[in-house]
All heavy atoms as atom14 arrays in JSON, in Angstrom:
{
  "sequence": "CIAELNLYEKGGNIKLYGKSSKEWDIPNWRIKIAYVPQR",
  "atom14_mask": [
    [1, 1, 1, 1, 1, 1, 0, 0, 0, 0, 0, 0, 0, 0],
    [1, 1, 1, 1, 1, 1, 1, 1, 0, 0, 0, 0, 0, 0],
    [1, 1, 1, 1, 1, 0, 0, 0, 0, 0, 0, 0, 0, 0],
    [1, 1, 1, 1, 1, 1, 1, 1, 1, 0, 0, 0, 0, 0],
    [1, 1, 1, 1, 1, 1, 1, 1, 0, 0, 0, 0, 0, 0],
    [1, 1, 1, 1, 1, 1, 1, 1, 0, 0, 0, 0, 0, 0],
    [1, 1, 1, 1, 1, 1, 1, 1, 0, 0, 0, 0, 0, 0],
    [1, 1, 1, 1, 1, 1, 1, 1, 1, 1, 1, 1, 0, 0],
    [1, 1, 1, 1, 1, 1, 1, 1, 1, 0, 0, 0, 0, 0],
    [1, 1, 1, 1, 1, 1, 1, 1, 1, 0, 0, 0, 0, 0],
    [1, 1, 1, 1, 0, 0, 0, 0, 0, 0, 0, 0, 0, 0],
    [1, 1, 1, 1, 0, 0, 0, 0, 0, 0, 0, 0, 0, 0],
    [1, 1, 1, 1, 1, 1, 1, 1, 0, 0, 0, 0, 0, 0],
    [1, 1, 1, 1, 1, 1, 1, 1, 0, 0, 0, 0, 0, 0],
    [1, 1, 1, 1, 1, 1, 1, 1, 1, 0, 0, 0, 0, 0],
    [1, 1, 1, 1, 1, 1, 1, 1, 0, 0, 0, 0, 0, 0],
    [1, 1, 1, 1, 1, 1, 1, 1, 1, 1, 1, 1, 0, 0],
    [1, 1, 1, 1, 0, 0, 0, 0, 0, 0, 0, 0, 0, 0],
    [1, 1, 1, 1, 1, 1, 1, 1, 1, 0, 0, 0, 0, 0],
    [1, 1, 1, 1, 1, 1, 0, 0, 0, 0, 0, 0, 0, 0],
    [1, 1, 1, 1, 1, 1, 0, 0, 0, 0, 0, 0, 0, 0],
    [1, 1, 1, 1, 1, 1, 1, 1, 1, 0, 0, 0, 0, 0],
    [1, 1, 1, 1, 1, 1, 1, 1, 1, 0, 0, 0, 0, 0],
    [1, 1, 1, 1, 1, 1, 1, 1, 1, 1, 1, 1, 1, 1],
    [1, 1, 1, 1, 1, 1, 1, 1, 0, 0, 0, 0, 0, 0],
    [1, 1, 1, 1, 1, 1, 1, 1, 0, 0, 0, 0, 0, 0],
    [1, 1, 1, 1, 1, 1, 1, 0, 0, 0, 0, 0, 0, 0],
    [1, 1, 1, 1, 1, 1, 1, 1, 0, 0, 0, 0, 0, 0],
    [1, 1, 1, 1, 1, 1, 1, 1, 1, 1, 1, 1, 1, 1],
    [1, 1, 1, 1, 1, 1, 1, 1, 1, 1, 1, 0, 0, 0],
    [1, 1, 1, 1, 1, 1, 1, 1, 0, 0, 0, 0, 0, 0],
    [1, 1, 1, 1, 1, 1, 1, 1, 1, 0, 0, 0, 0, 0],
    [1, 1, 1, 1, 1, 1, 1, 1, 0, 0, 0, 0, 0, 0],
    [1, 1, 1, 1, 1, 0, 0, 0, 0, 0, 0, 0, 0, 0],
    [1, 1, 1, 1, 1, 1, 1, 1, 1, 1, 1, 1, 0, 0],
    [1, 1, 1, 1, 1, 1, 1, 0, 0, 0, 0, 0, 0, 0],
    [1, 1, 1, 1, 1, 1, 1, 0, 0, 0, 0, 0, 0, 0],
    [1, 1, 1, 1, 1, 1, 1, 1, 1, 0, 0, 0, 0, 0],
    [1, 1, 1, 1, 1, 1, 1, 1, 1, 1, 1, 0, 0, 0]
  ],
  "atom14_positions": [
    [[89.95, 100.41, 162.48], [89.45, 98.98, 162.28], [89.42, 98.25, 163.64], [88.5, 97.54, 163.92], [90.29, 98.29, 161.27], [90.05, 98.85, 159.59], [0.0, 0.0, 0.0], [0.0, 0.0, 0.0], [0.0, 0.0, 0.0], [0.0, 0.0, 0.0], [0.0, 0.0, 0.0], [0.0, 0.0, 0.0], [0.0, 0.0, 0.0], [0.0, 0.0, 0.0]],
    [[90.55, 98.33, 164.3], [90.64, 97.64, 165.68], [89.53, 98.08, 166.59], [89.02, 97.3, 167.38], [92.09, 97.72, 166.24], [93.1, 97.01, 165.34], [92.12, 97.2, 167.65], [94.5, 97.31, 165.69], [0.0, 0.0, 0.0], [0.0, 0.0, 0.0], [0.0, 0.0, 0.0], [0.0, 0.0, 0.0], [0.0, 0.0, 0.0], [0.0, 0.0, 0.0]],
    [[89.28, 99.39, 166.51], [88.23, 99.99, 167.41], [86.82, 99.76, 166.87], [85.87, 100.14, 167.46], [88.5, 101.46, 167.59], [0.0, 0.0, 0.0], [0.0, 0.0, 0.0], [0.0, 0.0, 0.0], [0.0, 0.0, 0.0], [0.0, 0.0, 0.0], [0.0, 0.0, 0.0], [0.0, 0.0, 0.0], [0.0, 0.0, 0.0], [0.0, 0.0, 0.0]],
    [[86.72, 99.04, 165.75], [85.4, 98.81, 165.13], [84.74, 100.09, 164.73], [83.56, 100.31, 164.83], [84.47, 97.96, 165.97], [84.88, 96.52, 166.05], [84.77, 95.79, 164.7], [83.9, 96.1, 163.92], [85.51, 94.81, 164.51], [0.0, 0.0, 0.0], [0.0, 0.0, 0.0], [0.0, 0.0, 0.0], [0.0, 0.0, 0.0], [0.0, 0.0, 0.0]],
    [[85.59, 101.06, 164.2], [85.08, 102.29, 163.67], [85.17, 102.42, 162.17], [84.53, 103.33, 161.6], [85.89, 103.51, 164.28], [85.71, 103.7, 165.82], [86.76, 104.74, 166.32], [84.32, 104.12, 166.23], [0.0, 0.0, 0.0], [0.0, 0.0, 0.0], [0.0, 0.0, 0.0], [0.0, 0.0, 0.0], [0.0, 0.0, 0.0], [0.0, 0.0, 0.0]],
    [[85.89, 101.49, 161.58], [86.06, 101.42, 160.16], [85.66, 99.98, 159.59], [85.87, 99.0, 160.32], [87.45, 101.62, 159.7], [87.73, 103.07, 159.26], [87.15, 103.97, 159.74], [88.73, 103.18, 158.3], [0.0, 0.0, 0.0], [0.0, 0.0, 0.0], [0.0, 0.0, 0.0], [0.0, 0.0, 0.0], [0.0, 0.0, 0.0], [0.0, 0.0, 0.0]],
    [[85.03, 99.97, 158.49], [84.69, 98.68, 157.86], [85.87, 97.98, 157.28], [86.73, 98.59, 156.7], [83.58, 98.83, 156.78], [82.25, 99.38, 157.32], [81.28, 99.6, 156.11], [81.53, 98.47, 158.36], [0.0, 0.0, 0.0], [0.0, 0.0, 0.0], [0.0, 0.0, 0.0], [0.0, 0.0, 0.0], [0.0, 0.0, 0.0], [0.0, 0.0, 0.0]],
    [[85.91, 96.67, 157.41], [87.01, 95.93, 156.74], [86.37, 94.61, 156.26], [86.99, 93.52, 156.38], [88.16, 95.61, 157.72], [87.72, 95.07, 159.09], [87.71, 93.69, 159.29], [87.34, 95.88, 160.15], [87.29, 93.15, 160.52], [86.97, 95.39, 161.37], [87.0, 94.02, 161.54], [86.59, 93.52, 162.77], [0.0, 0.0, 0.0], [0.0, 0.0, 0.0]],
    [[85.18, 94.71, 155.6], [84.47, 93.55, 155.15], [85.23, 92.78, 154.06], [84.78, 91.59, 153.74], [83.06, 93.91, 154.76], [82.96, 94.68, 153.44], [83.15, 96.11, 153.62], [83.52, 96.6, 154.65], [83.04, 96.91, 152.63], [0.0, 0.0, 0.0], [0.0, 0.0, 0.0], [0.0, 0.0, 0.0], [0.0, 0.0, 0.0], [0.0, 0.0, 0.0]],
    [[86.27, 93.36, 153.48], [86.88, 92.75, 152.31], [87.79, 91.47, 152.9], [88.32, 90.71, 152.1], [87.82, 93.68, 151.62], [86.98, 94.77, 150.85], [86.05, 94.22, 149.78], [85.29, 95.25, 149.06], [84.39, 94.63, 148.08], [0.0, 0.0, 0.0], [0.0, 0.0, 0.0], [0.0, 0.0, 0.0], [0.0, 0.0, 0.0], [0.0, 0.0, 0.0]],
    [[87.95, 91.48, 154.16], [88.78, 90.4, 154.69], [89.38, 90.68, 156.04], [89.74, 91.82, 156.31], [0.0, 0.0, 0.0], [0.0, 0.0, 0.0], [0.0, 0.0, 0.0], [0.0, 0.0, 0.0], [0.0, 0.0, 0.0], [0.0, 0.0, 0.0], [0.0, 0.0, 0.0], [0.0, 0.0, 0.0], [0.0, 0.0, 0.0], [0.0, 0.0, 0.0]],
    [[89.36, 89.66, 156.89], [90.08, 89.84, 158.17], [89.18, 89.55, 159.38], [87.94, 89.5, 159.26], [0.0, 0.0, 0.0], [0.0, 0.0, 0.0], [0.0, 0.0, 0.0], [0.0, 0.0, 0.0], [0.0, 0.0, 0.0], [0.0, 0.0, 0.0], [0.0, 0.0, 0.0], [0.0, 0.0, 0.0], [0.0, 0.0, 0.0], [0.0, 0.0, 0.0]],
    [[89.79, 89.34, 160.51], [89.07, 89.08, 161.76], [89.95, 89.69, 162.91], [91.13, 89.71, 162.84], [88.92, 87.63, 161.98], [87.96, 87.26, 163.11], [87.09, 88.04, 163.38], [88.23, 86.06, 163.7], [0.0, 0.0, 0.0], [0.0, 0.0, 0.0], [0.0, 0.0, 0.0], [0.0, 0.0, 0.0], [0.0, 0.0, 0.0], [0.0, 0.0, 0.0]],
    [[89.21, 90.26, 163.9], [89.82, 90.86, 165.06], [89.24, 90.22, 166.26], [88.04, 90.16, 166.43], [89.65, 92.43, 165.03], [90.2, 93.01, 163.74], [90.38, 93.0, 166.23], [90.01, 94.52, 163.59], [0.0, 0.0, 0.0], [0.0, 0.0, 0.0], [0.0, 0.0, 0.0], [0.0, 0.0, 0.0], [0.0, 0.0, 0.0], [0.0, 0.0, 0.0]],
    [[90.15, 89.73, 167.11], [89.68, 89.09, 168.33], [90.22, 89.83, 169.6], [91.4, 90.24, 169.59], [90.17, 87.67, 168.42], [89.64, 86.78, 167.3], [90.17, 85.42, 167.4], [89.67, 84.44, 166.29], [90.24, 83.13, 166.44], [0.0, 0.0, 0.0], [0.0, 0.0, 0.0], [0.0, 0.0, 0.0], [0.0, 0.0, 0.0], [0.0, 0.0, 0.0]],
    [[89.35, 89.83, 170.6], [89.81, 90.37, 171.91], [89.52, 89.22, 172.93], [88.46, 88.75, 173.05], [88.95, 91.64, 172.31], [89.29, 92.2, 173.73], [90.71, 92.79, 173.77], [88.3, 93.35, 174.04], [0.0, 0.0, 0.0], [0.0, 0.0, 0.0], [0.0, 0.0, 0.0], [0.0, 0.0, 0.0], [0.0, 0.0, 0.0], [0.0, 0.0, 0.0]],
    [[90.63, 88.84, 173.64], [90.51, 87.69, 174.45], [89.93, 86.45, 173.82], [89.15, 85.67, 174.38], [89.73, 88.04, 175.77], [90.31, 89.06, 176.57], [89.73, 90.39, 176.71], [91.58, 88.95, 177.21], [90.25, 91.35, 177.46], [92.13, 90.02, 177.95], [91.4, 91.18, 178.08], [92.01, 92.15, 178.83], [0.0, 0.0, 0.0], [0.0, 0.0, 0.0]],
    [[90.39, 86.27, 172.6], [89.93, 85.06, 171.82], [88.56, 85.08, 171.18], [88.17, 84.19, 170.58], [0.0, 0.0, 0.0], [0.0, 0.0, 0.0], [0.0, 0.0, 0.0], [0.0, 0.0, 0.0], [0.0, 0.0, 0.0], [0.0, 0.0, 0.0], [0.0, 0.0, 0.0], [0.0, 0.0, 0.0], [0.0, 0.0, 0.0], [0.0, 0.0, 0.0]],
    [[87.85, 86.15, 171.49], [86.47, 86.26, 170.96], [86.36, 87.35, 169.88], [86.84, 88.5, 170.06], [85.61, 86.71, 172.21], [84.16, 86.7, 171.94], [83.41, 87.11, 173.28], [81.92, 87.37, 173.03], [81.24, 87.79, 174.29], [0.0, 0.0, 0.0], [0.0, 0.0, 0.0], [0.0, 0.0, 0.0], [0.0, 0.0, 0.0], [0.0, 0.0, 0.0]],
    [[85.86, 86.93, 168.74], [85.82, 87.81, 167.55], [84.92, 88.99, 167.89], [83.97, 89.01, 168.71], [85.2, 87.05, 166.38], [84.82, 87.93, 165.38], [0.0, 0.0, 0.0], [0.0, 0.0, 0.0], [0.0, 0.0, 0.0], [0.0, 0.0, 0.0], [0.0, 0.0, 0.0], [0.0, 0.0, 0.0], [0.0, 0.0, 0.0], [0.0, 0.0, 0.0]],
    [[85.27, 90.14, 167.31], [84.46, 91.39, 167.44], [83.01, 91.16, 167.05], [82.08, 91.83, 167.62], [85.01, 92.53, 166.66], [85.08, 92.21, 165.2], [0.0, 0.0, 0.0], [0.0, 0.0, 0.0], [0.0, 0.0, 0.0], [0.0, 0.0, 0.0], [0.0, 0.0, 0.0], [0.0, 0.0, 0.0], [0.0, 0.0, 0.0], [0.0, 0.0, 0.0]],
    [[82.79, 90.26, 166.14], [81.34, 89.97, 165.69], [80.57, 89.28, 166.78], [79.37, 89.28, 166.76], [81.44, 89.02, 164.48], [82.18, 89.68, 163.26], [82.23, 88.64, 162.14], [82.93, 89.25, 160.89], [84.31, 89.62, 161.18], [0.0, 0.0, 0.0], [0.0, 0.0, 0.0], [0.0, 0.0, 0.0], [0.0, 0.0, 0.0], [0.0, 0.0, 0.0]],
    [[81.27, 88.77, 167.79], [80.58, 88.16, 168.92], [80.41, 89.07, 170.14], [79.79, 88.72, 171.13], [81.41, 86.91, 169.39], [81.63, 85.83, 168.35], [82.56, 84.74, 168.82], [82.05, 83.97, 169.72], [83.65, 84.69, 168.43], [0.0, 0.0, 0.0], [0.0, 0.0, 0.0], [0.0, 0.0, 0.0], [0.0, 0.0, 0.0], [0.0, 0.0, 0.0]],
    [[80.98, 90.29, 170.03], [80.88, 91.28, 171.07], [79.75, 92.18, 170.88], [79.39, 92.46, 169.68], [82.22, 92.03, 171.08], [83.35, 91.4, 171.85], [84.16, 90.36, 171.37], [83.8, 91.68, 173.18], [85.1, 90.08, 172.28], [84.94, 90.78, 173.4], [83.47, 92.57, 174.15], [85.69, 90.86, 174.62], [84.18, 92.64, 175.4], [85.28, 91.79, 175.6]],
    [[79.27, 92.74, 171.94], [78.37, 93.92, 171.86], [79.35, 95.12, 171.64], [80.26, 95.42, 172.32], [77.62, 94.13, 173.21], [76.69, 95.4, 173.1], [75.77, 95.37, 172.34], [76.97, 96.26, 173.89], [0.0, 0.0, 0.0], [0.0, 0.0, 0.0], [0.0, 0.0, 0.0], [0.0, 0.0, 0.0], [0.0, 0.0, 0.0], [0.0, 0.0, 0.0]],
    [[79.09, 95.79, 170.42], [80.08, 96.76, 169.91], [80.3, 97.96, 170.95], [81.41, 98.36, 171.13], [79.68, 97.36, 168.59], [79.82, 96.2, 167.55], [80.51, 98.52, 168.19], [81.22, 95.69, 167.45], [0.0, 0.0, 0.0], [0.0, 0.0, 0.0], [0.0, 0.0, 0.0], [0.0, 0.0, 0.0], [0.0, 0.0, 0.0], [0.0, 0.0, 0.0]],
    [[79.25, 98.46, 171.69], [79.59, 99.5, 172.69], [80.55, 98.98, 173.78], [81.46, 99.69, 174.16], [78.21, 99.81, 173.3], [77.26, 99.56, 172.17], [77.84, 98.35, 171.46], [0.0, 0.0, 0.0], [0.0, 0.0, 0.0], [0.0, 0.0, 0.0], [0.0, 0.0, 0.0], [0.0, 0.0, 0.0], [0.0, 0.0, 0.0], [0.0, 0.0, 0.0]],
    [[80.43, 97.69, 174.14], [81.36, 97.21, 175.11], [82.81, 97.0, 174.46], [83.77, 97.29, 175.19], [80.96, 95.73, 175.6], [79.69, 95.9, 176.47], [79.36, 96.97, 176.96], [79.0, 94.76, 176.7], [0.0, 0.0, 0.0], [0.0, 0.0, 0.0], [0.0, 0.0, 0.0], [0.0, 0.0, 0.0], [0.0, 0.0, 0.0], [0.0, 0.0, 0.0]],
    [[82.78, 96.64, 173.23], [84.16, 96.49, 172.57], [84.85, 97.86, 172.54], [86.06, 97.86, 172.81], [83.88, 95.98, 171.09], [85.14, 95.85, 170.23], [85.71, 96.93, 169.51], [85.86, 94.67, 169.97], [86.82, 96.4, 168.85], [86.92, 95.05, 169.13], [85.76, 93.37, 170.35], [87.83, 94.1, 168.67], [86.62, 92.46, 169.82], [87.67, 92.86, 169.01]],
    [[84.08, 98.93, 172.31], [84.71, 100.27, 172.11], [85.12, 100.86, 173.52], [85.85, 101.76, 173.57], [83.76, 101.22, 171.4], [83.64, 100.84, 169.91], [82.63, 101.67, 169.18], [82.51, 101.29, 167.86], [81.44, 101.55, 167.11], [80.41, 102.25, 167.59], [81.39, 101.2, 165.81], [0.0, 0.0, 0.0], [0.0, 0.0, 0.0], [0.0, 0.0, 0.0]],
    [[84.56, 100.24, 174.61], [85.04, 100.63, 175.89], [86.37, 99.88, 176.18], [87.29, 100.41, 176.7], [84.0, 100.31, 176.98], [82.81, 101.36, 176.84], [84.58, 100.39, 178.34], [81.63, 101.06, 177.72], [0.0, 0.0, 0.0], [0.0, 0.0, 0.0], [0.0, 0.0, 0.0], [0.0, 0.0, 0.0], [0.0, 0.0, 0.0], [0.0, 0.0, 0.0]],
    [[86.41, 98.54, 175.94], [87.51, 97.74, 176.14], [88.73, 98.15, 175.26], [89.83, 98.09, 175.73], [87.2, 96.28, 175.86], [86.31, 95.66, 176.91], [87.01, 95.49, 178.2], [86.23, 94.68, 179.21], [86.87, 94.61, 180.57], [0.0, 0.0, 0.0], [0.0, 0.0, 0.0], [0.0, 0.0, 0.0], [0.0, 0.0, 0.0], [0.0, 0.0, 0.0]],
    [[88.42, 98.62, 174.06], [89.46, 99.01, 173.12], [89.21, 100.51, 172.75], [88.3, 100.78, 171.95], [89.54, 98.23, 171.95], [89.77, 96.73, 172.3], [90.66, 98.66, 170.96], [89.76, 95.8, 171.06], [0.0, 0.0, 0.0], [0.0, 0.0, 0.0], [0.0, 0.0, 0.0], [0.0, 0.0, 0.0], [0.0, 0.0, 0.0], [0.0, 0.0, 0.0]],
    [[89.86, 101.45, 173.4], [89.53, 102.93, 173.3], [90.43, 103.56, 172.3], [91.69, 103.51, 172.45], [89.6, 103.58, 174.6], [0.0, 0.0, 0.0], [0.0, 0.0, 0.0], [0.0, 0.0, 0.0], [0.0, 0.0, 0.0], [0.0, 0.0, 0.0], [0.0, 0.0, 0.0], [0.0, 0.0, 0.0], [0.0, 0.0, 0.0], [0.0, 0.0, 0.0]],
    [[89.87, 104.16, 171.29], [90.64, 104.91, 170.25], [90.71, 106.39, 170.71], [89.74, 107.01, 170.96], [89.9, 104.77, 168.9], [90.47, 105.68, 167.8], [91.79, 105.47, 167.39], [89.74, 106.65, 167.26], [92.35, 106.28, 166.37], [90.25, 107.45, 166.22], [91.54, 107.25, 165.77], [92.06, 108.05, 164.79], [0.0, 0.0, 0.0], [0.0, 0.0, 0.0]],
    [[91.93, 106.91, 170.66], [92.14, 108.3, 171.01], [92.75, 109.03, 169.83], [93.88, 108.73, 169.47], [93.16, 108.45, 172.17], [93.26, 109.94, 172.61], [92.69, 107.63, 173.32], [0.0, 0.0, 0.0], [0.0, 0.0, 0.0], [0.0, 0.0, 0.0], [0.0, 0.0, 0.0], [0.0, 0.0, 0.0], [0.0, 0.0, 0.0], [0.0, 0.0, 0.0]],
    [[91.92, 109.81, 169.07], [92.37, 110.41, 167.86], [93.52, 111.5, 168.09], [93.65, 111.97, 169.23], [91.13, 111.16, 167.31], [90.3, 111.32, 168.51], [90.52, 110.21, 169.44], [0.0, 0.0, 0.0], [0.0, 0.0, 0.0], [0.0, 0.0, 0.0], [0.0, 0.0, 0.0], [0.0, 0.0, 0.0], [0.0, 0.0, 0.0], [0.0, 0.0, 0.0]],
    [[94.22, 111.8, 167.05], [95.24, 112.76, 167.18], [94.71, 114.17, 167.55], [95.23, 114.86, 168.48], [96.04, 112.9, 165.91], [97.07, 113.99, 165.86], [97.85, 114.1, 164.53], [97.54, 113.37, 163.53], [98.83, 114.98, 164.45], [0.0, 0.0, 0.0], [0.0, 0.0, 0.0], [0.0, 0.0, 0.0], [0.0, 0.0, 0.0], [0.0, 0.0, 0.0]],
    [[93.59, 114.53, 166.96], [92.87, 115.81, 167.3], [91.46, 115.49, 167.73], [90.68, 115.08, 166.81], [92.97, 116.76, 166.19], [94.38, 117.24, 165.81], [94.34, 118.27, 164.66], [95.66, 118.72, 164.32], [96.54, 118.1, 163.53], [96.16, 116.91, 163.01], [97.71, 118.58, 163.32], [0.0, 0.0, 0.0], [0.0, 0.0, 0.0], [0.0, 0.0, 0.0]]
  ]
}
């Protein structure tokens, strides 16, 4: 969810540097917040 890879439309907001993920260009968001899976 934090990496914007899962939907959480039922509620909530995530901000990076005070700016909501909805205001970001998602490819840039996923560069700034990088998810590294277990496998």
